[in-house]
Amino acid sequence: MITLSKKLKMQNEGCGDTDKSSSKRIFIRDKLLVKEVQEMDQNLPNTCKTKFSNPNILHEFTIVITPDEGYWRGGKFVFSISVPEEYNMAPPKVKCQTKLWHPNINENGDICLSLLRQNSIDGLGWAPTRKLKDVIWGLNSLFTDLLNFDDPLNIEAAEMYQKNKTLFREKVRDYVYQYARR
């Protein structure tokens, strides 16, 4: 964190003649992230861990979720998070890197979670008042209480759950065993 703070201070002092609107927007994002990442790390659910491949780049990181209850218990699920320049006016981009059988996450890693949408029909979409910790808690909740079979992204998984919960559970366990074993 200290190195990023120093980097931000140097950027602020020596802006030069570069594209000021773009560098100012990046500067605002990076400044917000310094504070938010510290807050996020202090308030993570015990089933989540963040991983920064470069401690100086806070706008790209991964989160690893290891559910301790529910259908996906025993699995290890990796999500990549990329925070755009327009942050906090625009939500982070999140992709599931682990293949899994889930009604709200398709096999390509796309995620159906209201707070990741710029405009959401239910009014629970992204707002500038939201923070990265909200995203992490939302992703974690997809494995427990935010599980939504009524508005699925993976329709086949949701239909399987509705028709045969035992078969659904078996398919989830197969995917966990095959792709997400700890």
N, C-alpha and C. Protein backbone atom coordinates (compact mmCIF):
# COMPACT_ATOMS: atom_id res chain seq x y z
N MET A 1 0.81 -1.19 0.00
CA MET A 1 0.00 0.00 0.00
C MET A 1 0.86 1.26 0.00
N ILE A 2 1.93 1.22 0.74
CA ILE A 2 2.77 2.41 0.85
C ILE A 2 3.33 2.80 -0.51
N THR A 3 3.74 1.83 -1.29
CA THR A 3 4.31 2.16 -2.58
C THR A 3 3.27 2.79 -3.51
N LEU A 4 2.02 2.33 -3.43
CA LEU A 4 0.98 2.94 -4.25
C LEU A 4 0.71 4.37 -3.79
N SER A 5 0.70 4.60 -2.49
CA SER A 5 0.48 5.96 -1.98
C SER A 5 1.57 6.89 -2.48
N LYS A 6 2.80 6.40 -2.48
CA LYS A 6 3.90 7.22 -3.00
C LYS A 6 3.71 7.49 -4.49
N LYS A 7 3.28 6.46 -5.23
CA LYS A 7 3.04 6.59 -6.66
C LYS A 7 1.96 7.65 -6.93
N LEU A 8 0.89 7.61 -6.15
CA LEU A 8 -0.19 8.58 -6.32
C LEU A 8 0.29 9.99 -6.01
N LYS A 9 1.11 10.13 -5.01
CA LYS A 9 1.65 11.44 -4.66
C LYS A 9 2.51 11.98 -5.79
N MET A 10 3.34 11.11 -6.38
CA MET A 10 4.19 11.54 -7.50
C MET A 10 3.33 11.92 -8.71
N GLN A 11 2.26 11.15 -8.97
CA GLN A 11 1.37 11.47 -10.09
C GLN A 11 0.72 12.83 -9.87
N ASN A 12 0.33 13.09 -8.65
CA ASN A 12 -0.34 14.34 -8.32
C ASN A 12 0.59 15.53 -8.50
N GLU A 13 1.86 15.35 -8.14
CA GLU A 13 2.82 16.45 -8.24
C GLU A 13 3.29 16.69 -9.66
N GLY A 14 3.40 15.64 -10.47
CA GLY A 14 3.97 15.80 -11.80
C GLY A 14 3.06 15.38 -12.92
N CYS A 15 1.88 15.96 -13.00
CA CYS A 15 0.90 15.54 -14.02
C CYS A 15 1.38 15.81 -15.44
N GLY A 16 2.15 16.82 -15.69
CA GLY A 16 2.68 17.09 -17.03
C GLY A 16 1.60 17.42 -18.04
N ASP A 17 1.89 17.16 -19.34
CA ASP A 17 0.97 17.50 -20.43
C ASP A 17 0.23 16.30 -20.98
N THR A 18 0.04 15.27 -20.19
CA THR A 18 -0.69 14.10 -20.68
C THR A 18 -2.17 14.40 -20.71
N ASP A 19 -2.93 13.48 -21.23
CA ASP A 19 -4.39 13.62 -21.29
C ASP A 19 -4.91 13.77 -19.86
N LYS A 20 -5.21 15.00 -19.48
CA LYS A 20 -5.53 15.30 -18.08
C LYS A 20 -6.83 14.67 -17.61
N SER A 21 -7.86 14.60 -18.46
CA SER A 21 -9.12 14.03 -18.00
C SER A 21 -8.96 12.54 -17.70
N SER A 22 -8.24 11.81 -18.56
CA SER A 22 -8.04 10.38 -18.35
C SER A 22 -7.15 10.14 -17.13
N SER A 23 -6.04 10.86 -17.01
CA SER A 23 -5.15 10.64 -15.88
C SER A 23 -5.79 11.10 -14.58
N LYS A 24 -6.64 12.13 -14.63
CA LYS A 24 -7.34 12.57 -13.44
C LYS A 24 -8.33 11.50 -12.99
N ARG A 25 -9.04 10.90 -13.96
CA ARG A 25 -10.01 9.86 -13.64
C ARG A 25 -9.29 8.65 -13.04
N ILE A 26 -8.15 8.26 -13.64
CA ILE A 26 -7.37 7.15 -13.11
C ILE A 26 -6.89 7.50 -11.71
N PHE A 27 -6.43 8.71 -11.53
CA PHE A 27 -5.94 9.16 -10.23
C PHE A 27 -7.05 9.05 -9.18
N ILE A 28 -8.27 9.47 -9.51
CA ILE A 28 -9.39 9.39 -8.58
C ILE A 28 -9.67 7.93 -8.23
N ARG A 29 -9.71 7.08 -9.25
CA ARG A 29 -9.94 5.65 -9.01
C ARG A 29 -8.88 5.08 -8.08
N ASP A 30 -7.62 5.34 -8.38
CA ASP A 30 -6.54 4.79 -7.59
C ASP A 30 -6.56 5.31 -6.15
N LYS A 31 -6.92 6.56 -6.00
CA LYS A 31 -7.00 7.15 -4.67
C LYS A 31 -8.13 6.49 -3.87
N LEU A 32 -9.27 6.28 -4.50
CA LEU A 32 -10.37 5.58 -3.84
C LEU A 32 -9.97 4.15 -3.47
N LEU A 33 -9.25 3.50 -4.37
CA LEU A 33 -8.89 2.10 -4.14
C LEU A 33 -7.92 1.92 -2.98
N VAL A 34 -7.03 2.87 -2.76
CA VAL A 34 -6.09 2.77 -1.64
C VAL A 34 -6.89 2.61 -0.34
N LYS A 35 -7.88 3.44 -0.16
CA LYS A 35 -8.70 3.40 1.05
C LYS A 35 -9.62 2.17 1.06
N GLU A 36 -10.27 1.89 -0.06
CA GLU A 36 -11.23 0.79 -0.13
C GLU A 36 -10.59 -0.58 0.04
N VAL A 37 -9.40 -0.77 -0.52
CA VAL A 37 -8.74 -2.07 -0.41
C VAL A 37 -8.39 -2.36 1.05
N GLN A 38 -7.92 -1.35 1.76
CA GLN A 38 -7.61 -1.54 3.18
C GLN A 38 -8.88 -1.89 3.95
N GLU A 39 -9.96 -1.16 3.70
CA GLU A 39 -11.24 -1.42 4.35
C GLU A 39 -11.78 -2.80 3.98
N MET A 40 -11.65 -3.15 2.70
CA MET A 40 -12.14 -4.45 2.22
C MET A 40 -11.40 -5.58 2.92
N ASP A 41 -10.08 -5.49 3.01
CA ASP A 41 -9.29 -6.55 3.63
C ASP A 41 -9.64 -6.72 5.11
N GLN A 42 -10.03 -5.65 5.77
CA GLN A 42 -10.38 -5.72 7.19
C GLN A 42 -11.77 -6.31 7.40
N ASN A 43 -12.62 -6.29 6.37
CA ASN A 43 -14.01 -6.72 6.51
C ASN A 43 -14.39 -7.89 5.62
N LEU A 44 -13.43 -8.68 5.22
CA LEU A 44 -13.72 -9.84 4.36
C LEU A 44 -14.44 -10.94 5.13
N PRO A 45 -15.38 -11.62 4.48
CA PRO A 45 -15.95 -12.82 5.11
C PRO A 45 -14.82 -13.84 5.29
N ASN A 46 -14.93 -14.72 6.28
CA ASN A 46 -13.85 -15.67 6.51
C ASN A 46 -13.72 -16.70 5.39
N THR A 47 -14.66 -16.72 4.46
CA THR A 47 -14.59 -17.65 3.32
C THR A 47 -13.94 -17.01 2.09
N CYS A 48 -13.44 -15.78 2.23
CA CYS A 48 -12.87 -15.05 1.09
C CYS A 48 -11.44 -14.60 1.36
N LYS A 49 -10.65 -14.62 0.30
CA LYS A 49 -9.27 -14.10 0.36
C LYS A 49 -9.00 -13.32 -0.91
N THR A 50 -8.34 -12.17 -0.77
CA THR A 50 -7.97 -11.39 -1.94
C THR A 50 -6.52 -11.71 -2.30
N LYS A 51 -6.22 -11.52 -3.56
CA LYS A 51 -4.87 -11.80 -4.06
C LYS A 51 -4.53 -10.74 -5.10
N PHE A 52 -3.48 -9.98 -4.83
CA PHE A 52 -3.00 -8.96 -5.77
C PHE A 52 -1.69 -9.47 -6.37
N SER A 53 -1.67 -9.66 -7.69
CA SER A 53 -0.44 -10.15 -8.32
C SER A 53 0.65 -9.07 -8.26
N ASN A 54 0.23 -7.81 -8.23
CA ASN A 54 1.17 -6.69 -8.10
C ASN A 54 0.59 -5.74 -7.05
N PRO A 55 1.26 -5.56 -5.91
CA PRO A 55 0.71 -4.71 -4.85
C PRO A 55 0.59 -3.24 -5.25
N ASN A 56 1.21 -2.85 -6.35
CA ASN A 56 1.11 -1.47 -6.82
C ASN A 56 -0.06 -1.25 -7.77
N ILE A 57 -0.71 -2.34 -8.17
CA ILE A 57 -1.85 -2.23 -9.08
C ILE A 57 -3.08 -2.74 -8.33
N LEU A 58 -3.83 -1.81 -7.77
CA LEU A 58 -4.99 -2.18 -6.95
C LEU A 58 -6.26 -2.36 -7.77
N HIS A 59 -6.23 -1.97 -9.04
CA HIS A 59 -7.45 -2.06 -9.83
C HIS A 59 -7.63 -3.41 -10.52
N GLU A 60 -6.71 -4.33 -10.32
CA GLU A 60 -6.84 -5.68 -10.85
C GLU A 60 -6.39 -6.68 -9.79
N PHE A 61 -7.32 -7.55 -9.40
CA PHE A 61 -7.00 -8.54 -8.39
C PHE A 61 -7.96 -9.72 -8.50
N THR A 62 -7.69 -10.73 -7.71
CA THR A 62 -8.59 -11.89 -7.68
C THR A 62 -9.11 -12.07 -6.26
N ILE A 63 -10.25 -12.69 -6.20
CA ILE A 63 -10.84 -13.07 -4.91
C ILE A 63 -11.08 -14.57 -4.98
N VAL A 64 -10.73 -15.25 -3.93
CA VAL A 64 -10.94 -16.70 -3.84
C VAL A 64 -12.00 -16.93 -2.77
N ILE A 65 -13.07 -17.60 -3.15
CA ILE A 65 -14.17 -17.90 -2.23
C ILE A 65 -14.20 -19.41 -2.01
N THR A 66 -14.18 -19.79 -0.75
CA THR A 66 -14.23 -21.20 -0.37
C THR A 66 -15.44 -21.40 0.56
N PRO A 67 -16.62 -21.62 -0.03
CA PRO A 67 -17.83 -21.75 0.78
C PRO A 67 -17.70 -22.84 1.86
N ASP A 68 -18.20 -22.53 3.04
CA ASP A 68 -18.14 -23.51 4.13
C ASP A 68 -19.51 -24.12 4.42
N GLU A 69 -20.49 -23.82 3.55
CA GLU A 69 -21.82 -24.41 3.68
C GLU A 69 -22.48 -24.43 2.30
N GLY A 70 -23.59 -25.14 2.21
CA GLY A 70 -24.35 -25.15 0.98
C GLY A 70 -23.83 -26.13 -0.06
N TYR A 71 -24.40 -26.03 -1.25
CA TYR A 71 -24.08 -26.95 -2.35
C TYR A 71 -22.61 -26.93 -2.75
N TRP A 72 -21.96 -25.77 -2.69
CA TRP A 72 -20.59 -25.62 -3.19
C TRP A 72 -19.53 -25.75 -2.10
N ARG A 73 -19.94 -26.19 -0.90
CA ARG A 73 -19.00 -26.37 0.20
C ARG A 73 -17.87 -27.30 -0.25
N GLY A 74 -16.66 -26.94 0.12
CA GLY A 74 -15.51 -27.74 -0.25
C GLY A 74 -14.86 -27.31 -1.55
N GLY A 75 -15.48 -26.37 -2.25
CA GLY A 75 -14.91 -25.88 -3.50
C GLY A 75 -14.08 -24.61 -3.28
N LYS A 76 -13.29 -24.31 -4.26
CA LYS A 76 -12.46 -23.10 -4.24
C LYS A 76 -12.72 -22.39 -5.56
N PHE A 77 -13.33 -21.19 -5.48
CA PHE A 77 -13.78 -20.49 -6.66
C PHE A 77 -13.05 -19.15 -6.79
N VAL A 78 -12.44 -18.97 -7.95
CA VAL A 78 -11.61 -17.79 -8.20
C VAL A 78 -12.36 -16.82 -9.11
N PHE A 79 -12.40 -15.55 -8.69
CA PHE A 79 -13.04 -14.48 -9.47
C PHE A 79 -11.99 -13.41 -9.76
N SER A 80 -11.94 -12.98 -11.03
CA SER A 80 -11.06 -11.86 -11.36
C SER A 80 -11.89 -10.58 -11.29
N ILE A 81 -11.28 -9.55 -10.72
CA ILE A 81 -11.96 -8.27 -10.57
C ILE A 81 -11.09 -7.19 -11.20
N SER A 82 -11.71 -6.44 -12.09
CA SER A 82 -11.03 -5.33 -12.76
C SER A 82 -11.86 -4.07 -12.53
N VAL A 83 -11.23 -3.08 -11.94
CA VAL A 83 -11.91 -1.84 -11.63
C VAL A 83 -11.63 -0.84 -12.75
N PRO A 84 -12.67 -0.41 -13.47
CA PRO A 84 -12.46 0.49 -14.62
C PRO A 84 -12.07 1.91 -14.18
N GLU A 85 -11.54 2.68 -15.13
CA GLU A 85 -11.16 4.07 -14.86
C GLU A 85 -12.34 4.87 -14.33
N GLU A 86 -13.54 4.55 -14.76
CA GLU A 86 -14.74 5.32 -14.40
C GLU A 86 -15.24 5.02 -12.99
N TYR A 87 -14.54 4.13 -12.29
CA TYR A 87 -14.93 3.79 -10.92
C TYR A 87 -14.94 5.05 -10.07
N ASN A 88 -15.81 5.30 -9.33
CA ASN A 88 -16.90 4.67 -8.67
C ASN A 88 -18.25 4.96 -9.32
N MET A 89 -18.21 5.58 -10.49
CA MET A 89 -19.44 5.80 -11.25
C MET A 89 -19.85 4.54 -12.01
N ALA A 90 -18.91 3.67 -12.26
CA ALA A 90 -19.18 2.41 -12.96
C ALA A 90 -18.74 1.25 -12.07
N PRO A 91 -19.44 0.13 -12.13
CA PRO A 91 -19.09 -1.02 -11.28
C PRO A 91 -17.83 -1.73 -11.76
N PRO A 92 -17.21 -2.48 -10.86
CA PRO A 92 -16.08 -3.31 -11.28
C PRO A 92 -16.57 -4.39 -12.25
N LYS A 93 -15.67 -4.89 -13.07
CA LYS A 93 -15.98 -6.00 -13.96
C LYS A 93 -15.48 -7.27 -13.26
N VAL A 94 -16.38 -8.24 -13.14
CA VAL A 94 -16.06 -9.46 -12.41
C VAL A 94 -16.34 -10.67 -13.29
N LYS A 95 -15.43 -11.62 -13.25
CA LYS A 95 -15.57 -12.84 -14.04
C LYS A 95 -15.15 -14.02 -13.15
N CYS A 96 -15.94 -15.08 -13.21
CA CYS A 96 -15.59 -16.29 -12.47
C CYS A 96 -14.60 -17.09 -13.32
N GLN A 97 -13.45 -17.40 -12.76
CA GLN A 97 -12.40 -18.13 -13.47
C GLN A 97 -12.53 -19.65 -13.30
N THR A 98 -13.34 -20.06 -12.34
CA THR A 98 -13.53 -21.48 -12.04
C THR A 98 -14.83 -21.96 -12.66
N LYS A 99 -14.75 -23.05 -13.38
CA LYS A 99 -15.95 -23.61 -13.99
C LYS A 99 -16.82 -24.20 -12.88
N LEU A 100 -18.11 -23.85 -12.88
CA LEU A 100 -19.02 -24.38 -11.88
C LEU A 100 -20.43 -24.45 -12.40
N TRP A 101 -21.25 -25.24 -11.72
CA TRP A 101 -22.66 -25.40 -12.07
C TRP A 101 -23.45 -24.56 -11.09
N HIS A 102 -24.00 -23.44 -11.58
CA HIS A 102 -24.63 -22.46 -10.71
C HIS A 102 -25.70 -21.71 -11.51
N PRO A 103 -26.86 -21.44 -10.94
CA PRO A 103 -27.90 -20.74 -11.70
C PRO A 103 -27.57 -19.28 -12.02
N ASN A 104 -26.70 -18.66 -11.23
CA ASN A 104 -26.40 -17.24 -11.42
C ASN A 104 -25.01 -16.98 -12.00
N ILE A 105 -24.31 -18.04 -12.35
CA ILE A 105 -23.00 -17.93 -12.99
C ILE A 105 -22.98 -18.94 -14.12
N ASN A 106 -22.74 -18.45 -15.34
CA ASN A 106 -22.75 -19.41 -16.45
C ASN A 106 -21.37 -20.05 -16.62
N GLU A 107 -21.29 -21.00 -17.51
CA GLU A 107 -20.04 -21.75 -17.68
C GLU A 107 -18.93 -20.92 -18.33
N ASN A 108 -19.28 -19.73 -18.84
CA ASN A 108 -18.26 -18.81 -19.38
C ASN A 108 -17.72 -17.88 -18.29
N GLY A 109 -18.29 -17.96 -17.09
CA GLY A 109 -17.82 -17.13 -15.98
C GLY A 109 -18.58 -15.82 -15.81
N ASP A 110 -19.60 -15.59 -16.65
CA ASP A 110 -20.42 -14.38 -16.49
C ASP A 110 -21.27 -14.54 -15.23
N ILE A 111 -21.54 -13.41 -14.58
CA ILE A 111 -22.22 -13.43 -13.29
C ILE A 111 -23.47 -12.57 -13.33
N CYS A 112 -24.55 -13.12 -12.79
CA CYS A 112 -25.80 -12.38 -12.67
C CYS A 112 -25.93 -11.95 -11.21
N LEU A 113 -25.56 -10.69 -10.94
CA LEU A 113 -25.63 -10.12 -9.61
C LEU A 113 -26.00 -8.66 -9.78
N SER A 114 -27.13 -8.26 -9.24
CA SER A 114 -27.67 -6.91 -9.45
C SER A 114 -26.65 -5.81 -9.23
N LEU A 115 -25.88 -5.89 -8.17
CA LEU A 115 -24.99 -4.77 -7.86
C LEU A 115 -23.84 -4.62 -8.85
N LEU A 116 -23.66 -5.58 -9.74
CA LEU A 116 -22.64 -5.45 -10.79
C LEU A 116 -23.18 -4.82 -12.06
N ARG A 117 -24.47 -4.50 -12.05
CA ARG A 117 -25.09 -3.88 -13.22
C ARG A 117 -25.14 -2.37 -13.06
N GLN A 118 -24.81 -1.66 -14.12
CA GLN A 118 -24.89 -0.20 -14.11
C GLN A 118 -26.34 0.23 -13.88
N ASN A 119 -27.24 -0.37 -14.63
CA ASN A 119 -28.68 -0.08 -14.49
C ASN A 119 -29.39 -1.39 -14.19
N SER A 120 -30.02 -1.44 -13.05
CA SER A 120 -30.69 -2.67 -12.64
C SER A 120 -32.17 -2.42 -12.48
N ILE A 121 -32.97 -3.33 -12.99
CA ILE A 121 -34.42 -3.21 -12.92
C ILE A 121 -34.91 -3.18 -11.48
N ASP A 122 -34.27 -3.97 -10.61
CA ASP A 122 -34.74 -4.07 -9.23
C ASP A 122 -34.29 -2.92 -8.32
N GLY A 123 -33.54 -1.97 -8.87
CA GLY A 123 -33.09 -0.83 -8.07
C GLY A 123 -31.92 -1.15 -7.17
N LEU A 124 -31.39 -2.35 -7.26
CA LEU A 124 -30.27 -2.75 -6.41
C LEU A 124 -28.94 -2.73 -7.16
N GLY A 125 -28.92 -2.09 -8.32
CA GLY A 125 -27.72 -2.07 -9.15
C GLY A 125 -26.64 -1.18 -8.57
N TRP A 126 -25.62 -0.99 -9.36
CA TRP A 126 -24.46 -0.21 -8.93
C TRP A 126 -24.84 1.23 -8.66
N ALA A 127 -24.26 1.80 -7.63
CA ALA A 127 -24.40 3.21 -7.30
C ALA A 127 -23.05 3.69 -6.79
N PRO A 128 -22.73 4.97 -6.98
CA PRO A 128 -21.43 5.49 -6.53
C PRO A 128 -21.18 5.31 -5.03
N THR A 129 -22.21 5.04 -4.27
CA THR A 129 -22.04 4.83 -2.83
C THR A 129 -21.59 3.40 -2.49
N ARG A 130 -21.64 2.51 -3.46
CA ARG A 130 -21.20 1.13 -3.24
C ARG A 130 -19.67 1.07 -3.23
N LYS A 131 -19.16 0.03 -2.61
CA LYS A 131 -17.71 -0.15 -2.51
C LYS A 131 -17.33 -1.58 -2.87
N LEU A 132 -16.03 -1.80 -2.97
CA LEU A 132 -15.53 -3.14 -3.32
C LEU A 132 -15.98 -4.18 -2.30
N LYS A 133 -16.04 -3.81 -1.03
CA LYS A 133 -16.46 -4.80 -0.02
C LYS A 133 -17.89 -5.28 -0.30
N ASP A 134 -18.74 -4.40 -0.86
CA ASP A 134 -20.11 -4.80 -1.22
C ASP A 134 -20.08 -5.86 -2.32
N VAL A 135 -19.16 -5.69 -3.27
CA VAL A 135 -19.02 -6.66 -4.37
C VAL A 135 -18.57 -8.01 -3.81
N ILE A 136 -17.59 -7.99 -2.92
CA ILE A 136 -17.07 -9.24 -2.34
C ILE A 136 -18.17 -9.96 -1.55
N TRP A 137 -18.89 -9.21 -0.72
CA TRP A 137 -19.96 -9.81 0.07
C TRP A 137 -21.07 -10.34 -0.85
N GLY A 138 -21.35 -9.63 -1.94
CA GLY A 138 -22.35 -10.09 -2.89
C GLY A 138 -21.94 -11.38 -3.57
N LEU A 139 -20.67 -11.46 -4.00
CA LEU A 139 -20.18 -12.68 -4.63
C LEU A 139 -20.24 -13.85 -3.64
N ASN A 140 -19.80 -13.60 -2.42
CA ASN A 140 -19.82 -14.64 -1.40
C ASN A 140 -21.26 -15.13 -1.16
N SER A 141 -22.20 -14.20 -1.17
CA SER A 141 -23.60 -14.55 -0.92
C SER A 141 -24.24 -15.34 -2.05
N LEU A 142 -23.63 -15.32 -3.24
CA LEU A 142 -24.15 -16.14 -4.34
C LEU A 142 -24.07 -17.63 -4.02
N PHE A 143 -23.26 -17.97 -3.04
CA PHE A 143 -23.13 -19.37 -2.65
C PHE A 143 -24.04 -19.73 -1.48
N THR A 144 -24.79 -18.73 -0.98
CA THR A 144 -25.70 -19.00 0.15
C THR A 144 -27.04 -18.30 -0.05
N ASP A 145 -27.22 -17.14 0.55
CA ASP A 145 -28.54 -16.50 0.60
C ASP A 145 -28.93 -15.68 -0.62
N LEU A 146 -28.02 -15.33 -1.51
CA LEU A 146 -28.39 -14.60 -2.73
C LEU A 146 -28.60 -15.53 -3.92
N LEU A 147 -28.52 -16.80 -3.69
CA LEU A 147 -28.76 -17.79 -4.73
C LEU A 147 -30.16 -17.57 -5.29
N ASN A 148 -30.26 -17.32 -6.61
CA ASN A 148 -31.54 -16.95 -7.20
C ASN A 148 -31.89 -17.89 -8.36
N PHE A 149 -32.88 -18.75 -8.13
CA PHE A 149 -33.32 -19.68 -9.16
C PHE A 149 -34.42 -19.08 -10.03
N ASP A 150 -34.99 -17.94 -9.61
CA ASP A 150 -36.10 -17.32 -10.34
C ASP A 150 -35.65 -16.42 -11.49
N ASP A 151 -34.44 -15.89 -11.41
CA ASP A 151 -33.90 -15.02 -12.47
C ASP A 151 -32.50 -15.51 -12.82
N PRO A 152 -32.41 -16.71 -13.42
CA PRO A 152 -31.10 -17.33 -13.63
C PRO A 152 -30.36 -16.82 -14.87
N LEU A 153 -29.06 -16.92 -14.82
CA LEU A 153 -28.22 -16.71 -15.99
C LEU A 153 -28.00 -18.07 -16.67
N ASN A 154 -27.83 -19.10 -15.85
CA ASN A 154 -27.71 -20.47 -16.35
C ASN A 154 -29.09 -21.13 -16.19
N ILE A 155 -29.91 -20.99 -17.20
CA ILE A 155 -31.29 -21.47 -17.16
C ILE A 155 -31.35 -22.98 -16.95
N GLU A 156 -30.44 -23.69 -17.57
CA GLU A 156 -30.42 -25.15 -17.44
C GLU A 156 -30.20 -25.57 -15.98
N ALA A 157 -29.31 -24.90 -15.29
CA ALA A 157 -29.06 -25.21 -13.87
C ALA A 157 -30.30 -24.93 -13.03
N ALA A 158 -30.95 -23.80 -13.28
CA ALA A 158 -32.14 -23.43 -12.52
C ALA A 158 -33.28 -24.43 -12.77
N GLU A 159 -33.45 -24.81 -14.02
CA GLU A 159 -34.51 -25.78 -14.35
C GLU A 159 -34.23 -27.14 -13.71
N MET A 160 -32.96 -27.54 -13.71
CA MET A 160 -32.59 -28.81 -13.10
C MET A 160 -32.92 -28.77 -11.60
N TYR A 161 -32.63 -27.65 -10.96
CA TYR A 161 -32.93 -27.51 -9.53
C TYR A 161 -34.44 -27.64 -9.28
N GLN A 162 -35.23 -26.97 -10.14
CA GLN A 162 -36.69 -27.00 -9.98
C GLN A 162 -37.25 -28.41 -10.16
N LYS A 163 -36.69 -29.16 -11.10
CA LYS A 163 -37.22 -30.49 -11.44
C LYS A 163 -36.68 -31.60 -10.54
N ASN A 164 -35.37 -31.51 -10.23
CA ASN A 164 -34.74 -32.62 -9.50
C ASN A 164 -33.56 -32.09 -8.67
N LYS A 165 -33.83 -31.76 -7.44
CA LYS A 165 -32.81 -31.18 -6.55
C LYS A 165 -31.65 -32.15 -6.32
N THR A 166 -31.95 -33.43 -6.28
CA THR A 166 -30.90 -34.42 -6.07
C THR A 166 -29.93 -34.44 -7.25
N LEU A 167 -30.47 -34.44 -8.46
CA LEU A 167 -29.63 -34.40 -9.66
C LEU A 167 -28.82 -33.11 -9.71
N PHE A 168 -29.46 -31.98 -9.34
CA PHE A 168 -28.75 -30.70 -9.29
C PHE A 168 -27.58 -30.79 -8.32
N ARG A 169 -27.82 -31.28 -7.11
CA ARG A 169 -26.78 -31.40 -6.10
C ARG A 169 -25.63 -32.27 -6.61
N GLU A 170 -25.97 -33.38 -7.27
CA GLU A 170 -24.94 -34.28 -7.80
C GLU A 170 -24.09 -33.58 -8.86
N LYS A 171 -24.75 -32.82 -9.74
CA LYS A 171 -24.00 -32.13 -10.80
C LYS A 171 -23.09 -31.06 -10.20
N VAL A 172 -23.60 -30.32 -9.19
CA VAL A 172 -22.77 -29.32 -8.51
C VAL A 172 -21.55 -30.01 -7.90
N ARG A 173 -21.76 -31.12 -7.21
CA ARG A 173 -20.66 -31.85 -6.56
C ARG A 173 -19.65 -32.35 -7.60
N ASP A 174 -20.15 -32.84 -8.74
CA ASP A 174 -19.25 -33.28 -9.81
C ASP A 174 -18.36 -32.13 -10.28
N TYR A 175 -18.96 -30.96 -10.49
CA TYR A 175 -18.20 -29.79 -10.93
C TYR A 175 -17.18 -29.36 -9.87
N VAL A 176 -17.61 -29.37 -8.61
CA VAL A 176 -16.68 -29.01 -7.52
C VAL A 176 -15.51 -29.98 -7.52
N TYR A 177 -15.81 -31.27 -7.61
CA TYR A 177 -14.75 -32.28 -7.60
C TYR A 177 -13.82 -32.13 -8.80
N GLN A 178 -14.39 -31.87 -9.96
CA GLN A 178 -13.61 -31.81 -11.20
C GLN A 178 -12.85 -30.50 -11.37
N TYR A 179 -13.46 -29.36 -10.99
CA TYR A 179 -12.85 -28.06 -11.32
C TYR A 179 -12.47 -27.19 -10.13
N ALA A 180 -13.01 -27.48 -8.95
CA ALA A 180 -12.84 -26.52 -7.87
C ALA A 180 -12.38 -27.13 -6.55
N ARG A 181 -11.78 -28.29 -6.64
CA ARG A 181 -11.31 -28.92 -5.40
C ARG A 181 -10.25 -28.06 -4.73
N ARG A 182 -10.36 -27.96 -3.41
CA ARG A 182 -9.37 -27.17 -2.64
C ARG A 182 -8.04 -27.83 -2.64
